[in-house]
Amino acid sequence: MQELDFTCTLSELAGTIRAWDDTTASNQVTFGVNIEDVLFPVFVSIDRDRNARLTVLYNGAVSRERSKSGIVFQRASWKDDLPSTVVSFADPTLLLSEGMSIGWGQADGKLFAPQQYAIILDVLREAKGLSGSNRTLHFGSSAGGFQALATAAFDKGSRVLCNNPQTDFSQYSVPWAANRALKINGFANREEFLASENIDEVAWRIDIPKLYEKLEYVPPHIRILINSASKNDLTVQAASFISGITEISSESTTNGYEMYFYYHPGLGHNPMPKAVTIHEIASQLDSFEA
C-alpha cells in the first residue's frame, strides 16, 4: 500500500497539515482525507519558486497488480518537470472495490469524488497558501480527463486540459470496465442506465455535459486533446462532448472550449508522450501570466 504521511478528517485537514508543515522541512506530503467513510488520498508538492501556479493531476486506469491498494498518484513523478506546485488525487473509487482499475471518481455512489476534490483544494489553498482557482490547471487523460473536466466545474474559474478523456464513461470502449463503475450507481450496464426512470438524477455523474447543465456552469477555459486515430475517442467521446455542449450552448453563461485533433495510430487511446504533455501543461500555465 502507498504509504501516507497521515490521515485525518476534512474538518481536521487544515490544522493537521499546518502542524505537519511546522515539524518538517519537506516540500511534499502524501496524506488521506476521510469524508463520510471514504478515503481520499492526496499528494502535494510545493514549488516554492512557482507557487503562484497550481497543476492538479488525476488518475486514469491503474495496474492493480502493481498497486494492490489502488492508491496511485499518476504523473506525480513529474513534479520537478512541471513549472508549478502540484496536487495529485488518487481516485478513492479504487480503494472501495478490490481489483478495480478505473473508477471515474464515482466513489461509493453517494459522494462524487470531483466535488470533494474541489473542497479539499480549497482547504489546501487556505492552509498552505496555494494558488486560487483562477491560477489552477486541472489535467488528466482517459478517466483522469473525465475527473479533470468534472472537478473544474466545481472549482469555478479554473482551467482544464485533458487528453483522450471519457466525457460519457458509459460509452467507454471497454464495456466491462464501464459497467463496473455504472454498478456503483445501481445500473448493470449502459442499456439499463439509459432505460432508468431516474436517469436525470444520476446522469450528471456519468456524462460531463450533463454535469455542466446541472451546475449551470461550463469551465471558461477547456482544451481537449483527441487522437483521431483512436475510434472511441474521436467518434464517441469527442462527439458526445460536442453534441452535449451544443445542447446547452445557447445559454448566455456558456463558455467556449478548444478541441485539438492529432493523428497518431501507434498511440491509439494512450496519452501523448511525456515531453509533449509537459509542453501542453506548461503552455496552459504560462497563460496565467498573460
Protein backbone atom coordinates (compact mmCIF):
# COMPACT_ATOMS: atom_id res chain seq x y z
CA MET A 1 0.00 0.00 0.00
CA GLN A 2 1.17 3.53 -0.84
CA GLU A 3 2.44 4.93 2.44
CA LEU A 4 0.60 8.02 3.66
CA ASP A 5 2.23 10.54 5.98
CA PHE A 6 -1.04 10.98 7.87
CA THR A 7 -4.81 10.58 7.63
CA CYS A 8 -7.44 12.92 9.02
CA THR A 9 -11.00 14.07 8.55
CA LEU A 10 -11.88 17.01 6.34
CA SER A 11 -12.54 19.21 9.37
CA GLU A 12 -9.11 18.32 10.76
CA LEU A 13 -7.20 18.81 7.49
CA ALA A 14 -6.22 22.48 7.81
CA GLY A 15 -4.87 22.10 11.34
CA THR A 16 -3.20 18.76 10.65
CA ILE A 17 -1.36 19.95 7.56
CA ARG A 18 -0.23 23.15 9.30
CA ALA A 19 1.13 21.02 12.14
CA TRP A 20 2.88 18.80 9.59
CA ASP A 21 4.48 21.84 7.96
CA ASP A 22 5.70 23.03 11.36
CA THR A 23 7.53 19.77 12.02
CA THR A 24 9.10 19.02 8.63
CA ALA A 25 11.15 20.93 6.08
CA SER A 26 9.94 18.75 3.21
CA ASN A 27 8.17 20.45 0.32
CA GLN A 28 5.94 17.43 -0.31
CA VAL A 29 3.41 15.40 1.65
CA THR A 30 1.13 12.44 0.99
CA PHE A 31 -1.98 12.04 3.10
CA GLY A 32 -5.53 10.74 3.22
CA VAL A 33 -8.72 12.65 3.97
CA ASN A 34 -11.65 10.68 5.38
CA ILE A 35 -15.00 12.00 4.16
CA GLU A 36 -18.09 10.01 5.16
CA ASP A 37 -16.03 6.82 5.47
CA VAL A 38 -14.40 7.27 2.06
CA LEU A 39 -10.62 7.82 2.00
CA PHE A 40 -9.35 10.43 -0.45
CA PRO A 41 -5.56 10.03 -0.97
CA VAL A 42 -3.75 13.26 -1.85
CA PHE A 43 -0.19 14.13 -2.89
CA VAL A 44 1.12 17.70 -2.64
CA SER A 45 4.46 19.02 -3.89
CA ILE A 46 5.18 22.70 -3.30
CA ASP A 47 7.32 24.54 -5.84
CA ARG A 48 8.42 27.48 -3.72
CA ASP A 49 9.68 29.39 -6.77
CA ARG A 50 6.48 28.89 -8.77
CA ASN A 51 3.82 28.50 -6.11
CA ALA A 52 1.70 31.16 -7.83
CA ARG A 53 0.54 28.44 -10.24
CA LEU A 54 -1.12 25.11 -9.45
CA THR A 55 -1.43 21.92 -11.51
CA VAL A 56 -3.90 19.28 -10.30
CA LEU A 57 -3.48 15.73 -11.62
CA TYR A 58 -5.95 12.84 -11.80
CA ASN A 59 -5.78 9.07 -12.35
CA GLY A 60 -6.75 7.17 -15.42
CA ALA A 61 -6.55 3.36 -15.35
CA VAL A 62 -4.02 1.88 -12.90
CA SER A 63 -2.42 -1.55 -12.62
CA ARG A 64 -3.79 -3.38 -9.60
CA GLU A 65 -1.02 -5.94 -9.94
CA ARG A 66 1.49 -3.20 -9.15
CA SER A 67 -0.76 -1.36 -6.67
CA LYS A 68 -2.84 -3.72 -4.56
CA SER A 69 -4.22 -0.82 -2.51
CA GLY A 70 -5.33 1.19 -5.53
CA ILE A 71 -3.54 4.31 -4.28
CA VAL A 72 -1.65 5.63 -7.31
CA PHE A 73 -0.69 9.25 -7.95
CA GLN A 74 -0.29 9.22 -11.71
CA ARG A 75 2.32 11.63 -13.06
CA ALA A 76 3.25 12.80 -9.55
CA SER A 77 6.80 11.81 -10.51
CA TRP A 78 6.68 14.70 -13.00
CA LYS A 79 6.58 17.21 -10.15
CA ASP A 80 10.06 18.57 -10.89
CA ASP A 81 9.29 18.89 -14.60
CA LEU A 82 6.12 20.92 -14.17
CA PRO A 83 6.54 24.70 -13.64
CA SER A 84 4.10 24.93 -10.74
CA THR A 85 3.06 23.48 -7.42
CA VAL A 86 1.43 20.07 -7.95
CA VAL A 87 -1.51 18.34 -6.28
CA SER A 88 -2.39 14.80 -7.33
CA PHE A 89 -5.54 12.91 -6.36
CA ALA A 90 -5.75 9.12 -6.33
CA ASP A 91 -9.26 8.00 -7.25
CA PRO A 92 -10.94 6.84 -4.00
CA THR A 93 -13.24 4.57 -6.02
CA LEU A 94 -10.42 2.07 -6.46
CA LEU A 95 -9.89 1.75 -2.71
CA LEU A 96 -13.51 0.70 -2.27
CA SER A 97 -13.57 -2.00 -4.95
CA GLU A 98 -10.99 -4.78 -4.87
CA GLY A 99 -9.21 -5.20 -8.18
CA MET A 100 -10.93 -2.23 -9.83
CA SER A 101 -8.52 -0.38 -12.13
CA ILE A 102 -10.61 2.54 -13.36
CA GLY A 103 -13.33 4.35 -11.44
CA TRP A 104 -14.10 7.80 -12.93
CA GLY A 105 -14.38 9.30 -9.43
CA GLN A 106 -17.65 7.53 -8.65
CA ALA A 107 -16.53 6.81 -5.06
CA ASP A 108 -19.28 4.98 -3.13
CA GLY A 109 -22.19 6.08 -5.34
CA LYS A 110 -23.19 8.74 -2.81
CA LEU A 111 -20.17 11.02 -2.81
CA PHE A 112 -18.91 12.25 -6.18
CA ALA A 113 -15.12 12.47 -5.95
CA PRO A 114 -14.61 15.56 -8.17
CA GLN A 115 -16.90 17.58 -5.91
CA GLN A 116 -14.88 16.51 -2.88
CA TYR A 117 -11.58 17.19 -4.68
CA ALA A 118 -12.64 20.83 -5.09
CA ILE A 119 -13.49 21.08 -1.40
CA ILE A 120 -10.12 19.60 -0.42
CA LEU A 121 -8.35 22.01 -2.77
CA ASP A 122 -9.99 24.99 -1.09
CA VAL A 123 -8.80 23.78 2.33
CA LEU A 124 -5.26 23.32 0.98
CA ARG A 125 -5.32 26.78 -0.58
CA GLU A 126 -6.13 28.30 2.77
CA ALA A 127 -3.79 26.12 4.84
CA LYS A 128 -0.78 26.05 2.52
CA GLY A 129 -1.18 29.24 0.53
CA LEU A 130 -1.80 27.52 -2.80
CA SER A 131 -2.99 29.42 -5.85
CA GLY A 132 -6.64 30.25 -6.24
CA SER A 133 -8.87 28.69 -8.86
CA ASN A 134 -8.05 31.43 -11.39
CA ARG A 135 -4.45 30.18 -11.45
CA THR A 136 -5.23 26.46 -11.32
CA LEU A 137 -5.00 23.93 -14.15
CA HIS A 138 -6.71 20.54 -13.92
CA PHE A 139 -5.11 17.81 -16.05
CA GLY A 140 -5.74 14.15 -16.75
CA SER A 141 -6.05 11.61 -19.54
CA SER A 142 -8.75 8.99 -20.12
CA ALA A 143 -10.65 8.59 -16.80
CA GLY A 144 -8.29 11.21 -15.37
CA GLY A 145 -9.52 13.57 -18.08
CA PHE A 146 -13.10 12.88 -17.04
CA GLN A 147 -12.22 13.77 -13.44
CA ALA A 148 -10.34 16.91 -14.53
CA LEU A 149 -13.32 18.11 -16.59
CA ALA A 150 -15.66 17.38 -13.69
CA THR A 151 -13.55 18.97 -10.93
CA ALA A 152 -13.10 22.15 -12.96
CA ALA A 153 -16.88 22.54 -12.89
CA PHE A 154 -16.81 22.68 -9.09
CA ASP A 155 -13.56 24.71 -8.95
CA LYS A 156 -15.03 27.74 -10.66
CA GLY A 157 -12.65 29.94 -12.61
CA SER A 158 -10.04 27.23 -13.15
CA ARG A 159 -8.69 25.86 -16.42
CA VAL A 160 -8.80 22.28 -17.66
CA LEU A 161 -6.56 20.39 -20.09
CA CYS A 162 -7.18 16.74 -20.91
CA ASN A 163 -6.04 14.09 -23.37
CA ASN A 164 -8.44 11.49 -24.78
CA PRO A 165 -10.91 11.88 -21.89
CA GLN A 166 -14.10 9.94 -21.47
CA THR A 167 -16.81 12.58 -21.49
CA ASP A 168 -19.55 9.95 -21.09
CA PHE A 169 -17.93 6.95 -19.45
CA SER A 170 -20.96 4.71 -20.07
CA GLN A 171 -19.77 4.69 -23.69
CA TYR A 172 -16.18 3.72 -22.87
CA SER A 173 -14.61 1.28 -25.33
CA VAL A 174 -14.13 -1.36 -22.61
CA PRO A 175 -17.74 -2.14 -21.61
CA TRP A 176 -16.95 -4.39 -18.63
CA ALA A 177 -14.92 -1.57 -17.03
CA ALA A 178 -17.69 0.98 -17.65
CA ASN A 179 -20.28 -1.47 -16.33
CA ARG A 180 -18.37 -1.95 -13.10
CA ALA A 181 -18.49 1.81 -12.47
CA LEU A 182 -22.12 2.00 -13.55
CA LYS A 183 -22.95 -0.65 -10.94
CA ILE A 184 -21.81 1.78 -8.24
CA ASN A 185 -24.73 3.93 -9.37
CA GLY A 186 -27.14 0.99 -9.43
CA PHE A 187 -27.00 0.01 -13.12
CA ALA A 188 -25.77 -3.25 -14.62
CA ASN A 189 -24.85 -1.69 -17.96
CA ARG A 190 -25.44 1.30 -20.28
CA GLU A 191 -28.72 -0.09 -21.58
CA GLU A 192 -30.13 -0.30 -18.06
CA PHE A 193 -28.82 3.19 -17.29
CA LEU A 194 -30.48 4.69 -20.38
CA ALA A 195 -33.77 2.93 -19.63
CA SER A 196 -33.85 4.05 -15.99
CA GLU A 197 -36.71 6.22 -14.79
CA ASN A 198 -34.28 8.20 -12.64
CA ILE A 199 -31.64 8.75 -15.32
CA ASP A 200 -31.81 12.53 -14.86
CA GLU A 201 -30.91 12.13 -11.19
CA VAL A 202 -27.60 10.37 -11.91
CA ALA A 203 -26.59 11.25 -15.48
CA TRP A 204 -24.50 14.17 -14.24
CA ARG A 205 -22.14 11.70 -12.50
CA ILE A 206 -21.56 9.87 -15.79
CA ASP A 207 -21.82 12.45 -18.58
CA ILE A 208 -19.77 15.68 -18.40
CA PRO A 209 -22.18 17.94 -20.36
CA LYS A 210 -24.98 16.74 -18.07
CA LEU A 211 -22.87 17.82 -15.08
CA TYR A 212 -22.33 21.26 -16.63
CA GLU A 213 -26.04 21.53 -17.33
CA LYS A 214 -26.89 20.59 -13.73
CA LEU A 215 -24.47 23.18 -12.33
CA GLU A 216 -25.41 25.75 -14.98
CA TYR A 217 -21.72 26.31 -15.49
CA VAL A 218 -19.13 25.46 -18.13
CA PRO A 219 -15.45 26.00 -17.18
CA PRO A 220 -14.20 29.09 -19.05
CA HIS A 221 -11.01 27.53 -20.40
CA ILE A 222 -11.23 23.94 -21.69
CA ARG A 223 -8.64 22.39 -24.00
CA ILE A 224 -9.21 18.77 -25.06
CA LEU A 225 -6.58 16.82 -27.00
CA ILE A 226 -8.04 13.98 -29.10
CA ASN A 227 -6.15 11.34 -31.07
CA SER A 228 -8.29 10.99 -34.19
CA ALA A 229 -6.68 7.58 -34.76
CA SER A 230 -8.48 6.32 -31.63
CA LYS A 231 -12.01 5.45 -32.77
CA ASN A 232 -13.82 5.64 -29.42
CA ASP A 233 -12.14 8.92 -28.51
CA LEU A 234 -12.96 10.52 -31.87
CA THR A 235 -16.38 9.18 -32.83
CA VAL A 236 -17.88 8.61 -29.38
CA GLN A 237 -16.25 10.66 -26.61
CA ALA A 238 -15.39 13.83 -28.56
CA ALA A 239 -18.69 13.65 -30.43
CA SER A 240 -20.64 13.15 -27.19
CA PHE A 241 -18.98 16.20 -25.63
CA ILE A 242 -19.61 18.38 -28.69
CA SER A 243 -23.27 17.39 -29.00
CA GLY A 244 -23.83 17.70 -25.26
CA ILE A 245 -22.26 21.14 -25.02
CA THR A 246 -24.13 22.27 -28.13
CA GLU A 247 -27.42 21.45 -26.41
CA ILE A 248 -26.67 23.91 -23.61
CA SER A 249 -24.53 26.41 -25.58
CA SER A 250 -27.44 28.72 -26.28
CA GLU A 251 -27.28 29.86 -22.68
CA SER A 252 -25.58 33.22 -22.33
CA THR A 253 -23.46 31.92 -19.44
CA THR A 254 -21.94 29.10 -21.51
CA ASN A 255 -18.26 29.47 -22.29
CA GLY A 256 -16.42 28.11 -25.30
CA TYR A 257 -13.93 25.28 -25.46
CA GLU A 258 -11.00 24.21 -27.62
CA MET A 259 -10.64 20.73 -29.09
CA TYR A 260 -7.34 19.84 -30.76
CA PHE A 261 -7.20 16.79 -33.03
CA TYR A 262 -3.97 14.97 -33.83
CA TYR A 263 -3.34 11.69 -35.64
CA HIS A 264 -1.08 9.03 -34.13
CA PRO A 265 -2.08 5.42 -34.96
CA GLY A 266 0.71 3.99 -32.82
CA LEU A 267 -0.56 5.64 -29.65
CA GLY A 268 -4.24 4.89 -30.05
CA HIS A 269 -6.02 5.74 -26.79
CA ASN A 270 -2.72 6.09 -24.93
CA PRO A 271 -1.82 9.66 -23.97
CA MET A 272 0.68 11.88 -25.72
CA PRO A 273 4.37 11.32 -24.82
CA LYS A 274 5.61 12.88 -21.60
CA ALA A 275 7.60 15.68 -23.27
CA VAL A 276 4.62 16.74 -25.40
CA THR A 277 2.25 16.57 -22.44
CA ILE A 278 4.54 18.68 -20.25
CA HIS A 279 4.78 21.24 -23.05
CA GLU A 280 0.98 21.40 -23.26
CA ILE A 281 0.66 21.80 -19.48
CA ALA A 282 3.39 24.47 -19.36
CA SER A 283 1.68 26.41 -22.17
CA GLN A 284 -1.55 26.48 -20.19
CA LEU A 285 0.27 27.55 -17.02
CA ASP A 286 2.04 30.32 -18.94
CA SER A 287 -1.35 31.70 -19.94
CA PHE A 288 -1.82 32.73 -16.31
CA GLU A 289 0.91 35.29 -16.84
CA ALA A 290 -0.71 36.77 -19.95
